[in-house]
Amino acid sequence: MQTNQSSRQSGVTIIIPAYNEQAGIGPVLADLQEIMLATRLEYEIVVIDDGSTDDTAAMVVQHSEVTLLRHKGNRGYGAALKTGIRHAARPLICITDADGTYPNRRIPDLIARMGQGNQSMVVGARVGPNVAIPLVRRPAKWVIRQLAGFVAGEPIPDFNSGLRIFERDAALRMFSILPDGFSFTTTITLAMLTNGYLVDYVPIDYHARIGRSKIRPVQDTLNFVQLVLRIALYFSPLKVFLPLSVFFLTLAMAWALFSLLALGQLADVSTLVIAMTGIQVAMIGMLAELINGRLPNYFREEATLTDVDSKKSKSGD
């Protein structure tokens, strides 16, 4: 298999965070080595044992071609990925899980999609009928996905998929805002989209995991909502403050009409308080947007330069 731009010139580092995954890591590594050998691409596989207390590390060392990095304690999913990214020797990073949930045979397709355009990230989107996501988690994921799409300004089929490929340099520039927990993937998705990077999606299946899940449904859902709002405030504050301002101003008008028509007297003081709240929220939003625009944003500057170079190359300049 050959991709355009020779797999972005020098291959891919496959990073697998693992915490107490002795049941799944062995088959995943064997499958990955078979898949990548067939592609004839330059690659390396790096497993980060994130403080496992079982035989995860012992299973990994049985595969001599795999690099094993170990955390002394459990530092989190995102922290494990950042350790792998720091030690990666290739310009493209592919992340996948150690529990067998992701169809790693689609990795060559994701690499090919990266080589076909100027994307900075290609995400394996878990959509379609062959996706083993528990029904109880789907409503919350839908709500968060809509909120994330609103912040990003475009639909996001899957904002926190753990199977994706992205440029190592782009991730390194974002290390200061990438969290150490499960929200790593959500953050890098929104950070790239809100800073002008090109992100593409490839539909994939999603299997039932091997072993016990580390997800905490209620707490992690609340954390995801908080994260999306925080990223919105960081990159696009008006997308949070402006709807709130419109809500308060509309509420002030509705309360004024209700008090006048139903109560027979305009509730001028409470109407004024609500309206002033809306105006103040709008002013805070505009001030935050102004500050955000004046601060140096290396993510956005790099993305803009990449887009300009891309347009020049297409026009033949």
C-alpha atoms as a PDB file:
ATOM      1  CA  MET A   1       0.000   0.000   0.000  1.00  0.00           C
ATOM      2  CA  GLN A   2       1.310   3.451  -0.918  1.00  0.00           C
ATOM      3  CA  THR A   3      -0.249   6.762   0.009  1.00  0.00           C
ATOM      4  CA  ASN A   4       0.219  10.238  -1.391  1.00  0.00           C
ATOM      5  CA  GLN A   5       3.152  12.242   0.016  1.00  0.00           C
ATOM      6  CA  SER A   6       4.708   8.931   1.144  1.00  0.00           C
ATOM      7  CA  SER A   7       2.592   8.845   4.263  1.00  0.00           C
ATOM      8  CA  ARG A   8       3.472  12.471   4.953  1.00  0.00           C
ATOM      9  CA  GLN A   9       7.140  11.675   4.245  1.00  0.00           C
ATOM     10  CA  SER A  10       8.172   9.350   7.046  1.00  0.00           C
ATOM     11  CA  GLY A  11       5.512   7.094   8.457  1.00  0.00           C
ATOM     12  CA  VAL A  12       3.408   6.828  11.564  1.00  0.00           C
ATOM     13  CA  THR A  13       3.781   6.159  15.283  1.00  0.00           C
ATOM     14  CA  ILE A  14       0.936   4.072  16.703  1.00  0.00           C
ATOM     15  CA  ILE A  15       0.379   4.948  20.363  1.00  0.00           C
ATOM     16  CA  ILE A  16      -1.596   2.682  22.694  1.00  0.00           C
ATOM     17  CA  PRO A  17      -2.336   3.794  26.263  1.00  0.00           C
ATOM     18  CA  ALA A  18      -2.910   0.806  28.528  1.00  0.00           C
ATOM     19  CA  TYR A  19      -4.094   0.553  32.124  1.00  0.00           C
ATOM     20  CA  ASN A  20      -4.775  -2.966  33.415  1.00  0.00           C
ATOM     21  CA  GLU A  21      -5.393  -4.323  29.908  1.00  0.00           C
ATOM     22  CA  GLN A  22      -3.668  -7.721  30.168  1.00  0.00           C
ATOM     23  CA  ALA A  23      -6.636  -9.441  28.524  1.00  0.00           C
ATOM     24  CA  GLY A  24      -6.732  -7.247  25.425  1.00  0.00           C
ATOM     25  CA  ILE A  25      -3.277  -5.846  24.735  1.00  0.00           C
ATOM     26  CA  GLY A  26      -1.716  -9.063  23.383  1.00  0.00           C
ATOM     27  CA  PRO A  27      -4.260  -9.701  20.601  1.00  0.00           C
ATOM     28  CA  VAL A  28      -4.327  -5.985  19.734  1.00  0.00           C
ATOM     29  CA  LEU A  29      -0.536  -5.861  19.263  1.00  0.00           C
ATOM     30  CA  ALA A  30      -0.460  -9.053  17.213  1.00  0.00           C
ATOM     31  CA  ASP A  31      -3.227  -7.728  14.986  1.00  0.00           C
ATOM     32  CA  LEU A  32      -1.531  -4.345  14.568  1.00  0.00           C
ATOM     33  CA  GLN A  33       1.807  -5.843  13.565  1.00  0.00           C
ATOM     34  CA  GLU A  34       0.139  -8.023  10.945  1.00  0.00           C
ATOM     35  CA  ILE A  35      -1.817  -5.052   9.577  1.00  0.00           C
ATOM     36  CA  MET A  36       1.111  -2.650   9.403  1.00  0.00           C
ATOM     37  CA  LEU A  37       3.542  -5.173   7.896  1.00  0.00           C
ATOM     38  CA  ALA A  38       1.095  -5.647   5.035  1.00  0.00           C
ATOM     39  CA  THR A  39       1.051  -1.905   4.305  1.00  0.00           C
ATOM     40  CA  ARG A  40       4.850  -1.682   3.846  1.00  0.00           C
ATOM     41  CA  LEU A  41       4.777   1.731   5.502  1.00  0.00           C
ATOM     42  CA  GLU A  42       7.349   2.974   7.989  1.00  0.00           C
ATOM     43  CA  TYR A  43       5.866   2.675  11.450  1.00  0.00           C
ATOM     44  CA  GLU A  44       6.523   2.090  15.122  1.00  0.00           C
ATOM     45  CA  ILE A  45       4.234   0.894  17.894  1.00  0.00           C
ATOM     46  CA  VAL A  46       4.519   2.493  21.327  1.00  0.00           C
ATOM     47  CA  VAL A  47       2.581   1.213  24.349  1.00  0.00           C
ATOM     48  CA  ILE A  48       2.352   3.359  27.475  1.00  0.00           C
ATOM     49  CA  ASP A  49       1.659   1.263  30.561  1.00  0.00           C
ATOM     50  CA  ASP A  50      -0.111   3.826  32.731  1.00  0.00           C
ATOM     51  CA  GLY A  51       0.672   2.354  36.136  1.00  0.00           C
ATOM     52  CA  SER A  52      -0.998  -1.027  35.575  1.00  0.00           C
ATOM     53  CA  THR A  53      -1.199  -3.407  38.519  1.00  0.00           C
ATOM     54  CA  ASP A  54      -1.772  -6.518  36.405  1.00  0.00           C
ATOM     55  CA  ASP A  55       0.395  -8.238  33.749  1.00  0.00           C
ATOM     56  CA  THR A  56      -0.118  -5.640  31.016  1.00  0.00           C
ATOM     57  CA  ALA A  57       3.611  -4.854  30.777  1.00  0.00           C
ATOM     58  CA  ALA A  58       4.518  -8.564  30.720  1.00  0.00           C
ATOM     59  CA  MET A  59       2.180  -9.075  27.758  1.00  0.00           C
ATOM     60  CA  VAL A  60       3.749  -6.160  25.891  1.00  0.00           C
ATOM     61  CA  VAL A  61       7.376  -7.264  26.299  1.00  0.00           C
ATOM     62  CA  GLN A  62       6.530 -10.494  24.505  1.00  0.00           C
ATOM     63  CA  HIS A  63       6.407  -8.362  21.352  1.00  0.00           C
ATOM     64  CA  SER A  64      10.032  -7.370  20.802  1.00  0.00           C
ATOM     65  CA  GLU A  65       9.217  -4.888  18.020  1.00  0.00           C
ATOM     66  CA  VAL A  66       7.007  -2.834  20.338  1.00  0.00           C
ATOM     67  CA  THR A  67       8.363   0.009  22.479  1.00  0.00           C
ATOM     68  CA  LEU A  68       7.105  -0.049  26.075  1.00  0.00           C
ATOM     69  CA  LEU A  69       7.021   3.136  28.169  1.00  0.00           C
ATOM     70  CA  ARG A  70       5.856   2.942  31.782  1.00  0.00           C
ATOM     71  CA  HIS A  71       4.337   5.384  34.242  1.00  0.00           C
ATOM     72  CA  LYS A  72       5.042   4.580  37.888  1.00  0.00           C
ATOM     73  CA  GLY A  73       1.454   5.445  38.774  1.00  0.00           C
ATOM     74  CA  ASN A  74      -1.838   5.893  36.964  1.00  0.00           C
ATOM     75  CA  ARG A  75      -1.685   9.402  35.468  1.00  0.00           C
ATOM     76  CA  GLY A  76      -4.616   9.219  33.062  1.00  0.00           C
ATOM     77  CA  TYR A  77      -5.481   8.474  29.425  1.00  0.00           C
ATOM     78  CA  GLY A  78      -4.396  11.868  28.122  1.00  0.00           C
ATOM     79  CA  ALA A  79      -1.161  11.821  30.109  1.00  0.00           C
ATOM     80  CA  ALA A  80      -0.293   8.444  28.588  1.00  0.00           C
ATOM     81  CA  LEU A  81      -0.962   9.769  25.084  1.00  0.00           C
ATOM     82  CA  LYS A  82       1.206  12.835  25.716  1.00  0.00           C
ATOM     83  CA  THR A  83       4.062  10.632  26.896  1.00  0.00           C
ATOM     84  CA  GLY A  84       3.777   8.615  23.701  1.00  0.00           C
ATOM     85  CA  ILE A  85       3.629  11.721  21.519  1.00  0.00           C
ATOM     86  CA  ARG A  86       6.749  13.171  23.175  1.00  0.00           C
ATOM     87  CA  HIS A  87       8.704   9.981  22.464  1.00  0.00           C
ATOM     88  CA  ALA A  88       7.320   9.382  18.952  1.00  0.00           C
ATOM     89  CA  ALA A  89       9.841   9.243  16.123  1.00  0.00           C
ATOM     90  CA  ARG A  90       7.356   9.712  13.252  1.00  0.00           C
ATOM     91  CA  PRO A  91       5.530  12.872  12.086  1.00  0.00           C
ATOM     92  CA  LEU A  92       2.100  11.198  12.090  1.00  0.00           C
ATOM     93  CA  ILE A  93       0.491   9.913  15.269  1.00  0.00           C
ATOM     94  CA  CYS A  94      -2.140   7.186  15.301  1.00  0.00           C
ATOM     95  CA  ILE A  95      -3.886   6.448  18.589  1.00  0.00           C
ATOM     96  CA  THR A  96      -5.963   3.380  19.353  1.00  0.00           C
ATOM     97  CA  ASP A  97      -7.075   1.483  22.452  1.00  0.00           C
ATOM     98  CA  ALA A  98      -5.740  -1.658  24.102  1.00  0.00           C
ATOM     99  CA  ASP A  99      -9.157  -3.233  24.691  1.00  0.00           C
ATOM    100  CA  GLY A 100      -9.997  -4.397  21.169  1.00  0.00           C
ATOM    101  CA  THR A 101     -12.924  -2.004  20.671  1.00  0.00           C
ATOM    102  CA  TYR A 102     -11.564  -0.261  17.579  1.00  0.00           C
ATOM    103  CA  PRO A 103     -11.229  -1.914  14.138  1.00  0.00           C
ATOM    104  CA  ASN A 104      -7.493  -1.428  13.708  1.00  0.00           C
ATOM    105  CA  ARG A 105      -7.709  -2.852  10.194  1.00  0.00           C
ATOM    106  CA  ARG A 106      -9.091   0.557   9.216  1.00  0.00           C
ATOM    107  CA  ILE A 107      -5.839   2.300  10.184  1.00  0.00           C
ATOM    108  CA  PRO A 108      -4.434   2.035   6.614  1.00  0.00           C
ATOM    109  CA  ASP A 109      -7.628   3.744   5.384  1.00  0.00           C
ATOM    110  CA  LEU A 110      -7.111   6.614   7.835  1.00  0.00           C
ATOM    111  CA  ILE A 111      -3.469   6.941   6.757  1.00  0.00           C
ATOM    112  CA  ALA A 112      -4.545   6.983   3.114  1.00  0.00           C
ATOM    113  CA  ARG A 113      -7.092   9.729   3.823  1.00  0.00           C
ATOM    114  CA  MET A 114      -4.349  11.813   5.476  1.00  0.00           C
ATOM    115  CA  GLY A 115      -2.217  11.405   2.362  1.00  0.00           C
ATOM    116  CA  GLN A 116      -4.995  12.438  -0.016  1.00  0.00           C
ATOM    117  CA  GLY A 117      -5.395  16.003   1.258  1.00  0.00           C
ATOM    118  CA  ASN A 118      -4.147  18.631   3.652  1.00  0.00           C
ATOM    119  CA  GLN A 119      -5.936  17.366   6.736  1.00  0.00           C
ATOM    120  CA  SER A 120      -4.223  17.762  10.076  1.00  0.00           C
ATOM    121  CA  MET A 121      -6.360  15.016  11.591  1.00  0.00           C
ATOM    122  CA  VAL A 122      -8.503  12.113  10.398  1.00  0.00           C
ATOM    123  CA  VAL A 123     -10.925  10.647  12.927  1.00  0.00           C
ATOM    124  CA  GLY A 124     -12.431   7.175  12.871  1.00  0.00           C
ATOM    125  CA  ALA A 125     -16.076   8.139  13.424  1.00  0.00           C
ATOM    126  CA  ARG A 126     -18.160   5.535  15.248  1.00  0.00           C
ATOM    127  CA  VAL A 127     -21.333   5.765  13.207  1.00  0.00           C
ATOM    128  CA  GLY A 128     -23.655   3.234  11.638  1.00  0.00           C
ATOM    129  CA  PRO A 129     -25.310   0.015  12.816  1.00  0.00           C
ATOM    130  CA  ASN A 130     -22.153  -1.881  13.849  1.00  0.00           C
ATOM    131  CA  VAL A 131     -21.314   0.352  16.807  1.00  0.00           C
ATOM    132  CA  ALA A 132     -21.453  -1.219  20.275  1.00  0.00           C
ATOM    133  CA  ILE A 133     -22.114   1.901  22.353  1.00  0.00           C
ATOM    134  CA  PRO A 134     -24.533   1.215  25.253  1.00  0.00           C
ATOM    135  CA  LEU A 135     -27.977   2.727  24.668  1.00  0.00           C
ATOM    136  CA  VAL A 136     -27.916   4.473  28.041  1.00  0.00           C
ATOM    137  CA  ARG A 137     -24.904   6.548  26.936  1.00  0.00           C
ATOM    138  CA  ARG A 138     -26.226   7.560  23.507  1.00  0.00           C
ATOM    139  CA  PRO A 139     -28.611  10.422  24.525  1.00  0.00           C
ATOM    140  CA  ALA A 140     -25.861  12.178  26.497  1.00  0.00           C
ATOM    141  CA  LYS A 141     -23.376  11.683  23.662  1.00  0.00           C
ATOM    142  CA  TRP A 142     -25.891  13.169  21.196  1.00  0.00           C
ATOM    143  CA  VAL A 143     -26.420  16.279  23.332  1.00  0.00           C
ATOM    144  CA  ILE A 144     -22.686  16.810  23.813  1.00  0.00           C
ATOM    145  CA  ARG A 145     -22.073  16.252  20.103  1.00  0.00           C
ATOM    146  CA  GLN A 146     -24.608  18.962  19.219  1.00  0.00           C
ATOM    147  CA  LEU A 147     -23.002  21.347  21.701  1.00  0.00           C
ATOM    148  CA  ALA A 148     -19.531  20.563  20.354  1.00  0.00           C
ATOM    149  CA  GLY A 149     -20.747  21.090  16.775  1.00  0.00           C
ATOM    150  CA  PHE A 150     -22.176  24.470  17.745  1.00  0.00           C
ATOM    151  CA  VAL A 151     -18.838  25.509  19.265  1.00  0.00           C
ATOM    152  CA  ALA A 152     -16.867  24.254  16.271  1.00  0.00           C
ATOM    153  CA  GLY A 153     -19.243  25.746  13.710  1.00  0.00           C
ATOM    154  CA  GLU A 154     -19.668  22.468  11.826  1.00  0.00           C
ATOM    155  CA  PRO A 155     -21.149  18.992  12.442  1.00  0.00           C
ATOM    156  CA  ILE A 156     -18.894  16.566  14.321  1.00  0.00           C
ATOM    157  CA  PRO A 157     -19.826  12.912  13.687  1.00  0.00           C
ATOM    158  CA  ASP A 158     -17.649  11.690  16.576  1.00  0.00           C
ATOM    159  CA  PHE A 159     -15.772  14.157  18.777  1.00  0.00           C
ATOM    160  CA  ASN A 160     -14.066  11.711  21.173  1.00  0.00           C
ATOM    161  CA  SER A 161     -13.203   8.660  19.114  1.00  0.00           C
ATOM    162  CA  GLY A 162     -10.046   6.938  20.338  1.00  0.00           C
ATOM    163  CA  LEU A 163      -9.006   5.854  16.839  1.00  0.00           C
ATOM    164  CA  ARG A 164      -7.550   8.755  14.867  1.00  0.00           C
ATOM    165  CA  ILE A 165      -4.461  10.027  13.077  1.00  0.00           C
ATOM    166  CA  PHE A 166      -3.051  13.514  13.468  1.00  0.00           C
ATOM    167  CA  GLU A 167       0.111  15.524  12.907  1.00  0.00           C
ATOM    168  CA  ARG A 168       2.554  15.249  15.792  1.00  0.00           C
ATOM    169  CA  ASP A 169       3.650  18.890  15.413  1.00  0.00           C
ATOM    170  CA  ALA A 170       0.056  20.120  15.672  1.00  0.00           C
ATOM    171  CA  ALA A 171      -0.497  18.118  18.860  1.00  0.00           C
ATOM    172  CA  LEU A 172       2.739  19.388  20.410  1.00  0.00           C
ATOM    173  CA  ARG A 173       1.646  22.981  19.849  1.00  0.00           C
ATOM    174  CA  MET A 174      -1.533  22.232  21.827  1.00  0.00           C
ATOM    175  CA  PHE A 175       0.055  20.403  24.773  1.00  0.00           C
ATOM    176  CA  SER A 176      -0.610  23.317  27.134  1.00  0.00           C
ATOM    177  CA  ILE A 177      -4.393  22.844  26.824  1.00  0.00           C
ATOM    178  CA  LEU A 178      -4.604  19.082  26.308  1.00  0.00           C
ATOM    179  CA  PRO A 179      -5.825  17.412  29.542  1.00  0.00           C
ATOM    180  CA  ASP A 180      -4.473  14.275  31.175  1.00  0.00           C
ATOM    181  CA  GLY A 181      -7.843  12.509  31.336  1.00  0.00           C
ATOM    182  CA  PHE A 182     -10.298  10.959  28.895  1.00  0.00           C
ATOM    183  CA  SER A 183     -11.179  14.397  27.499  1.00  0.00           C
ATOM    184  CA  PHE A 184      -7.888  14.505  25.564  1.00  0.00           C
ATOM    185  CA  THR A 185      -9.600  13.454  22.324  1.00  0.00           C
ATOM    186  CA  THR A 186     -12.502  15.880  22.758  1.00  0.00           C
ATOM    187  CA  THR A 187     -10.115  18.750  23.426  1.00  0.00           C
ATOM    188  CA  ILE A 188      -7.829  18.125  20.460  1.00  0.00           C
ATOM    189  CA  THR A 189     -10.860  17.792  18.158  1.00  0.00           C
ATOM    190  CA  LEU A 190     -12.385  21.109  19.203  1.00  0.00           C
ATOM    191  CA  ALA A 191      -9.013  22.864  19.427  1.00  0.00           C
ATOM    192  CA  MET A 192      -8.179  21.945  15.836  1.00  0.00           C
ATOM    193  CA  LEU A 193     -11.623  22.806  14.470  1.00  0.00           C
ATOM    194  CA  THR A 194     -11.801  26.180  16.233  1.00  0.00           C
ATOM    195  CA  ASN A 195      -8.320  27.113  15.011  1.00  0.00           C
ATOM    196  CA  GLY A 196      -8.765  26.485  11.308  1.00  0.00           C
ATOM    197  CA  TYR A 197      -7.155  23.051  10.985  1.00  0.00           C
ATOM    198  CA  LEU A 198      -8.690  20.623   8.519  1.00  0.00           C
ATOM    199  CA  VAL A 199     -10.310  17.588  10.155  1.00  0.00           C
ATOM    200  CA  ASP A 200     -11.846  14.691   8.232  1.00  0.00           C
ATOM    201  CA  TYR A 201     -13.839  11.641   9.302  1.00  0.00           C
ATOM    202  CA  VAL A 202     -13.856   7.998   8.191  1.00  0.00           C
ATOM    203  CA  PRO A 203     -16.813   5.831   9.328  1.00  0.00           C
ATOM    204  CA  ILE A 204     -15.745   2.831  11.411  1.00  0.00           C
ATOM    205  CA  ASP A 205     -17.317   0.068  13.489  1.00  0.00           C
ATOM    206  CA  TYR A 206     -16.946  -0.115  17.253  1.00  0.00           C
ATOM    207  CA  HIS A 207     -16.801  -3.438  19.065  1.00  0.00           C
ATOM    208  CA  ALA A 208     -17.589  -4.486  22.616  1.00  0.00           C
ATOM    209  CA  ARG A 209     -14.483  -4.070  24.743  1.00  0.00           C
ATOM    210  CA  ILE A 210     -12.324  -6.829  26.229  1.00  0.00           C
ATOM    211  CA  GLY A 211     -12.130  -6.380  30.003  1.00  0.00           C
ATOM    212  CA  ARG A 212     -13.702  -3.823  32.297  1.00  0.00           C
ATOM    213  CA  SER A 213     -14.518  -0.274  31.150  1.00  0.00           C
ATOM    214  CA  LYS A 214     -12.852   2.702  32.894  1.00  0.00           C
ATOM    215  CA  ILE A 215     -15.661   5.112  31.866  1.00  0.00           C
ATOM    216  CA  ARG A 216     -17.815   6.684  34.623  1.00  0.00           C
ATOM    217  CA  PRO A 217     -21.041   7.572  32.732  1.00  0.00           C
ATOM    218  CA  VAL A 218     -22.490  10.374  34.896  1.00  0.00           C
ATOM    219  CA  GLN A 219     -19.271  12.019  36.035  1.00  0.00           C
ATOM    220  CA  ASP A 220     -17.569  11.780  32.635  1.00  0.00           C
ATOM    221  CA  THR A 221     -20.648  13.194  30.863  1.00  0.00           C
ATOM    222  CA  LEU A 222     -20.682  16.223  33.182  1.00  0.00           C
ATOM    223  CA  ASN A 223     -16.939  16.624  32.666  1.00  0.00           C
ATOM    224  CA  PHE A 224     -17.393  16.555  28.882  1.00  0.00           C
ATOM    225  CA  VAL A 225     -20.069  19.281  29.002  1.00  0.00           C
ATOM    226  CA  GLN A 226     -17.833  21.409  31.217  1.00  0.00           C
ATOM    227  CA  LEU A 227     -14.929  20.822  28.854  1.00  0.00           C
ATOM    228  CA  VAL A 228     -16.881  21.861  25.747  1.00  0.00           C
ATOM    229  CA  LEU A 229     -18.014  25.077  27.437  1.00  0.00           C
ATOM    230  CA  ARG A 230     -14.473  25.807  28.629  1.00  0.00           C
ATOM    231  CA  ILE A 231     -13.078  25.373  25.125  1.00  0.00           C
ATOM    232  CA  ALA A 232     -15.837  27.614  23.771  1.00  0.00           C
ATOM    233  CA  LEU A 233     -14.843  30.305  26.275  1.00  0.00           C
ATOM    234  CA  TYR A 234     -11.189  29.807  25.360  1.00  0.00           C
ATOM    235  CA  PHE A 235     -11.528  30.008  21.585  1.00  0.00           C
ATOM    236  CA  SER A 236     -14.980  31.457  20.764  1.00  0.00           C
ATOM    237  CA  PRO A 237     -16.394  33.284  23.807  1.00  0.00           C
ATOM    238  CA  LEU A 238     -19.172  35.019  21.838  1.00  0.00           C
ATOM    239  CA  LYS A 239     -20.684  31.619  21.069  1.00  0.00           C
ATOM    240  CA  VAL A 240     -21.401  31.311  24.792  1.00  0.00           C
ATOM    241  CA  PHE A 241     -22.093  34.900  25.830  1.00  0.00           C
ATOM    242  CA  LEU A 242     -24.162  36.020  22.835  1.00  0.00           C
ATOM    243  CA  PRO A 243     -26.887  33.342  23.164  1.00  0.00           C
ATOM    244  CA  LEU A 244     -27.061  34.066  26.902  1.00  0.00           C
ATOM    245  CA  SER A 245     -27.450  37.767  26.184  1.00  0.00           C
ATOM    246  CA  VAL A 246     -30.208  37.131  23.644  1.00  0.00           C
ATOM    247  CA  PHE A 247     -31.940  34.853  26.160  1.00  0.00           C
ATOM    248  CA  PHE A 248     -31.975  37.520  28.896  1.00  0.00           C
ATOM    249  CA  LEU A 249     -33.100  40.286  26.509  1.00  0.00           C
ATOM    250  CA  THR A 250     -35.891  38.093  25.158  1.00  0.00           C
ATOM    251  CA  LEU A 251     -36.875  37.164  28.710  1.00  0.00           C
ATOM    252  CA  ALA A 252     -37.010  40.871  29.630  1.00  0.00           C
ATOM    253  CA  MET A 253     -39.330  41.636  26.701  1.00  0.00           C
ATOM    254  CA  ALA A 254     -41.543  38.629  27.482  1.00  0.00           C
ATOM    255  CA  TRP A 255     -41.783  39.567  31.173  1.00  0.00           C
ATOM    256  CA  ALA A 256     -42.606  43.175  30.332  1.00  0.00           C
ATOM    257  CA  LEU A 257     -45.448  42.113  28.008  1.00  0.00           C
ATOM    258  CA  PHE A 258     -46.746  39.532  30.491  1.00  0.00           C
ATOM    259  CA  SER A 259     -46.750  41.964  33.413  1.00  0.00           C
ATOM    260  CA  LEU A 260     -48.428  44.653  31.309  1.00  0.00           C
ATOM    261  CA  LEU A 261     -51.131  42.449  29.793  1.00  0.00           C
ATOM    262  CA  ALA A 262     -51.742  39.908  32.569  1.00  0.00           C
ATOM    263  CA  LEU A 263     -51.046  41.974  35.672  1.00  0.00           C
ATOM    264  CA  GLY A 264     -52.181  45.302  34.315  1.00  0.00           C
ATOM    265  CA  GLN A 265     -48.986  47.087  35.298  1.00  0.00           C
ATOM    266  CA  LEU A 266     -45.525  47.139  33.765  1.00  0.00           C
ATOM    267  CA  ALA A 267     -42.979  45.509  36.072  1.00  0.00           C
ATOM    268  CA  ASP A 268     -40.391  48.098  35.139  1.00  0.00           C
ATOM    269  CA  VAL A 269     -37.782  47.420  37.832  1.00  0.00           C
ATOM    270  CA  SER A 270     -37.513  43.646  37.283  1.00  0.00           C
ATOM    271  CA  THR A 271     -37.705  44.121  33.511  1.00  0.00           C
ATOM    272  CA  LEU A 272     -34.847  46.612  33.656  1.00  0.00           C
ATOM    273  CA  VAL A 273     -32.744  44.271  35.830  1.00  0.00           C
ATOM    274  CA  ILE A 274     -33.190  41.372  33.389  1.00  0.00           C
ATOM    275  CA  ALA A 275     -32.484  43.587  30.366  1.00  0.00           C
ATOM    276  CA  MET A 276     -29.343  45.063  31.964  1.00  0.00           C
ATOM    277  CA  THR A 277     -28.157  41.548  32.741  1.00  0.00           C
ATOM    278  CA  GLY A 278     -28.465  40.693  29.035  1.00  0.00           C
ATOM    279  CA  ILE A 279     -26.579  43.828  28.023  1.00  0.00           C
ATOM    280  CA  GLN A 280     -23.803  43.177  30.548  1.00  0.00           C
ATOM    281  CA  VAL A 281     -23.433  39.576  29.383  1.00  0.00           C
ATOM    282  CA  ALA A 282     -23.089  40.798  25.797  1.00  0.00           C
ATOM    283  CA  MET A 283     -20.467  43.355  26.818  1.00  0.00           C
ATOM    284  CA  ILE A 284     -18.485  40.716  28.718  1.00  0.00           C
ATOM    285  CA  GLY A 285     -18.640  38.469  25.657  1.00  0.00           C
ATOM    286  CA  MET A 286     -17.379  41.220  23.349  1.00  0.00           C
ATOM    287  CA  LEU A 287     -14.581  42.060  25.771  1.00  0.00           C
ATOM    288  CA  ALA A 288     -13.583  38.378  25.989  1.00  0.00           C
ATOM    289  CA  GLU A 289     -13.622  38.128  22.189  1.00  0.00           C
ATOM    290  CA  LEU A 290     -11.431  41.236  21.938  1.00  0.00           C
ATOM    291  CA  ILE A 291      -8.927  39.859  24.452  1.00  0.00           C
ATOM    292  CA  ASN A 292      -8.949  36.483  22.720  1.00  0.00           C
ATOM    293  CA  GLY A 293      -8.215  38.151  19.361  1.00  0.00           C
ATOM    294  CA  ARG A 294      -5.302  40.173  20.732  1.00  0.00           C
ATOM    295  CA  LEU A 295      -3.563  37.291  22.478  1.00  0.00           C
ATOM    296  CA  PRO A 296      -0.920  35.430  20.410  1.00  0.00           C
ATOM    297  CA  ASN A 297      -2.457  32.194  19.201  1.00  0.00           C
ATOM    298  CA  TYR A 298       0.210  29.914  17.812  1.00  0.00           C
ATOM    299  CA  PHE A 299      -2.335  27.230  16.951  1.00  0.00           C
ATOM    300  CA  ARG A 300      -4.292  29.554  14.684  1.00  0.00           C
ATOM    301  CA  GLU A 301      -1.221  31.202  13.139  1.00  0.00           C
ATOM    302  CA  GLU A 302       0.252  27.848  12.168  1.00  0.00           C
ATOM    303  CA  ALA A 303      -3.040  26.674  10.679  1.00  0.00           C
ATOM    304  CA  THR A 304      -3.347  29.882   8.650  1.00  0.00           C
ATOM    305  CA  LEU A 305       0.163  29.504   7.260  1.00  0.00           C
ATOM    306  CA  THR A 306      -0.587  25.900   6.335  1.00  0.00           C
ATOM    307  CA  ASP A 307      -3.747  26.921   4.479  1.00  0.00           C
ATOM    308  CA  VAL A 308      -1.911  29.702   2.604  1.00  0.00           C
ATOM    309  CA  ASP A 309       0.882  27.334   1.548  1.00  0.00           C
ATOM    310  CA  SER A 310      -1.723  24.815   0.424  1.00  0.00           C
ATOM    311  CA  LYS A 311      -3.494  27.404  -1.749  1.00  0.00           C
ATOM    312  CA  LYS A 312      -0.195  28.498  -3.282  1.00  0.00           C
ATOM    313  CA  SER A 313       0.787  24.954  -4.151  1.00  0.00           C
ATOM    314  CA  LYS A 314      -2.576  24.347  -5.820  1.00  0.00           C
ATOM    315  CA  SER A 315      -2.332  27.552  -7.836  1.00  0.00           C
ATOM    316  CA  GLY A 316       1.203  26.778  -8.938  1.00  0.00           C
ATOM    317  CA  ASP A 317       2.796  29.862  -7.296  1.00  0.00           C
END
